[in-house]
Amino acid sequence: MAEKDASEKILESYNDVFSDIVNVLLFNGRQVLGADELEDQAPRTYYKADGRLHEIERDVAKRWKNGNIRVACIGFENQTASDPDMPLRVIGYDGAEYRA
C-alpha cells in the first residue's frame, strides 16, 4: 500500500464514510445507500491470462446488498495524478468481481 493512499483507504473502509461518498457522487446527496447495506469485498482478484495467474488490487471495494440481493459492486481508486489507463483498469476490476 502506498504511503500517500493509506489514510484515504482506511477512512473509506468505514461503511458510513463510504456510503456518504457514494450518495454525494451518484445520488446528489440523497440518502439512497445506507451504511448497513454495505459489505466488504475482497480488494484482490485473481485471473488467468496467457497461461499465467495474475493479481489485481483495488483501493476500496464494497458490495451493496438489499437482503440477499447484490445490487451493485462499488469501488474507489484514489489518484493524485491523472492516469489515462484508469478506466480500463476499473473495467477489469469490475469485470473480475461480477465474474466471481
Protein backbone atom coordinates (compact mmCIF):
# COMPACT_ATOMS: atom_id res chain seq x y z
CA MET A 1 0.00 0.00 0.00
CA ALA A 2 1.42 3.35 -0.98
CA GLU A 3 2.01 5.70 1.95
CA LYS A 4 0.02 8.52 0.35
CA ASP A 5 -3.04 6.28 -0.06
CA ALA A 6 -3.06 4.70 3.41
CA SER A 7 -5.18 7.27 5.24
CA GLU A 8 -7.68 7.50 2.37
CA LYS A 9 -8.11 3.74 2.24
CA ILE A 10 -8.60 3.48 6.00
CA LEU A 11 -11.18 6.28 6.07
CA GLU A 12 -13.08 4.97 3.05
CA SER A 13 -13.21 1.46 4.53
CA TYR A 14 -15.79 2.66 7.10
CA ASN A 15 -19.28 1.93 5.76
CA ASP A 16 -20.74 5.27 6.88
CA VAL A 17 -17.99 7.24 5.12
CA PHE A 18 -18.19 5.04 2.02
CA SER A 19 -21.99 5.41 1.78
CA ASP A 20 -21.76 9.20 2.26
CA ILE A 21 -19.27 9.48 -0.61
CA VAL A 22 -21.41 7.30 -2.89
CA ASN A 23 -24.59 9.20 -2.03
CA VAL A 24 -22.94 12.52 -2.85
CA LEU A 25 -21.28 11.38 -6.08
CA LEU A 26 -24.08 9.21 -7.51
CA PHE A 27 -27.28 10.49 -5.94
CA ASN A 28 -26.68 14.24 -5.49
CA GLY A 29 -26.55 13.88 -1.71
CA ARG A 30 -29.84 11.97 -1.32
CA GLN A 31 -29.53 9.16 1.24
CA VAL A 32 -30.13 6.23 -1.14
CA LEU A 33 -27.37 3.89 0.02
CA GLY A 34 -27.29 3.10 3.73
CA ALA A 35 -24.14 2.10 5.61
CA ASP A 36 -25.93 -1.04 6.82
CA GLU A 37 -26.44 -2.19 3.20
CA LEU A 38 -22.70 -2.50 2.54
CA GLU A 39 -20.38 -5.44 2.98
CA ASP A 40 -16.68 -5.63 2.36
CA GLN A 41 -15.47 -7.16 -0.84
CA ALA A 42 -12.02 -8.66 -1.24
CA PRO A 43 -9.73 -5.97 -2.68
CA ARG A 44 -7.64 -8.59 -4.51
CA THR A 45 -8.88 -10.51 -7.51
CA TYR A 46 -7.07 -13.19 -9.45
CA TYR A 47 -7.46 -14.17 -13.07
CA LYS A 48 -5.70 -16.38 -15.57
CA ALA A 49 -4.47 -14.97 -18.87
CA ASP A 50 -1.79 -16.12 -21.27
CA GLY A 51 -1.42 -19.30 -19.22
CA ARG A 52 -0.36 -17.33 -16.12
CA LEU A 53 -2.14 -16.29 -12.92
CA HIS A 54 -2.42 -12.52 -12.39
CA GLU A 55 -3.46 -10.46 -9.37
CA ILE A 56 -5.18 -7.06 -9.34
CA GLU A 57 -5.89 -4.98 -6.24
CA ARG A 58 -8.42 -2.19 -5.69
CA ASP A 59 -8.10 0.60 -3.14
CA VAL A 60 -11.52 0.05 -1.52
CA ALA A 61 -14.41 -2.13 -2.73
CA LYS A 62 -17.81 -2.96 -1.24
CA ARG A 63 -20.95 -4.82 -2.21
CA TRP A 64 -24.27 -3.01 -1.96
CA LYS A 65 -26.82 -5.59 -0.85
CA ASN A 66 -30.56 -5.43 -0.27
CA GLY A 67 -31.33 -8.54 1.73
CA ASN A 68 -29.81 -11.44 -0.22
CA ILE A 69 -29.74 -9.50 -3.49
CA ARG A 70 -26.47 -7.92 -4.63
CA VAL A 71 -27.47 -4.55 -6.09
CA ALA A 72 -24.01 -3.42 -7.17
CA CYS A 73 -20.30 -3.65 -6.58
CA ILE A 74 -18.75 -0.25 -5.91
CA GLY A 75 -15.06 0.50 -5.76
CA PHE A 76 -12.87 3.54 -5.23
CA GLU A 77 -9.48 4.16 -6.79
CA ASN A 78 -7.66 7.13 -5.25
CA GLN A 79 -5.36 9.09 -7.54
CA THR A 80 -3.08 12.05 -7.06
CA ALA A 81 -2.28 12.31 -10.77
CA SER A 82 -4.30 11.60 -13.90
CA ASP A 83 -3.87 8.12 -15.36
CA PRO A 84 -5.36 7.70 -18.85
CA ASP A 85 -5.45 3.90 -18.37
CA MET A 86 -7.53 4.08 -15.16
CA PRO A 87 -10.92 3.49 -16.88
CA LEU A 88 -9.57 0.25 -18.37
CA ARG A 89 -8.19 -0.86 -15.01
CA VAL A 90 -11.53 -0.18 -13.31
CA ILE A 91 -13.41 -2.11 -16.01
CA GLY A 92 -11.07 -5.02 -15.32
CA TYR A 93 -11.69 -4.81 -11.56
CA ASP A 94 -15.46 -4.66 -12.02
CA GLY A 95 -15.50 -7.48 -14.55
CA ALA A 96 -13.48 -9.73 -12.26
CA GLU A 97 -15.85 -9.06 -9.34
CA TYR A 98 -19.02 -9.67 -11.32
CA ARG A 99 -17.48 -12.81 -12.77
CA ALA A 100 -16.79 -14.06 -9.23
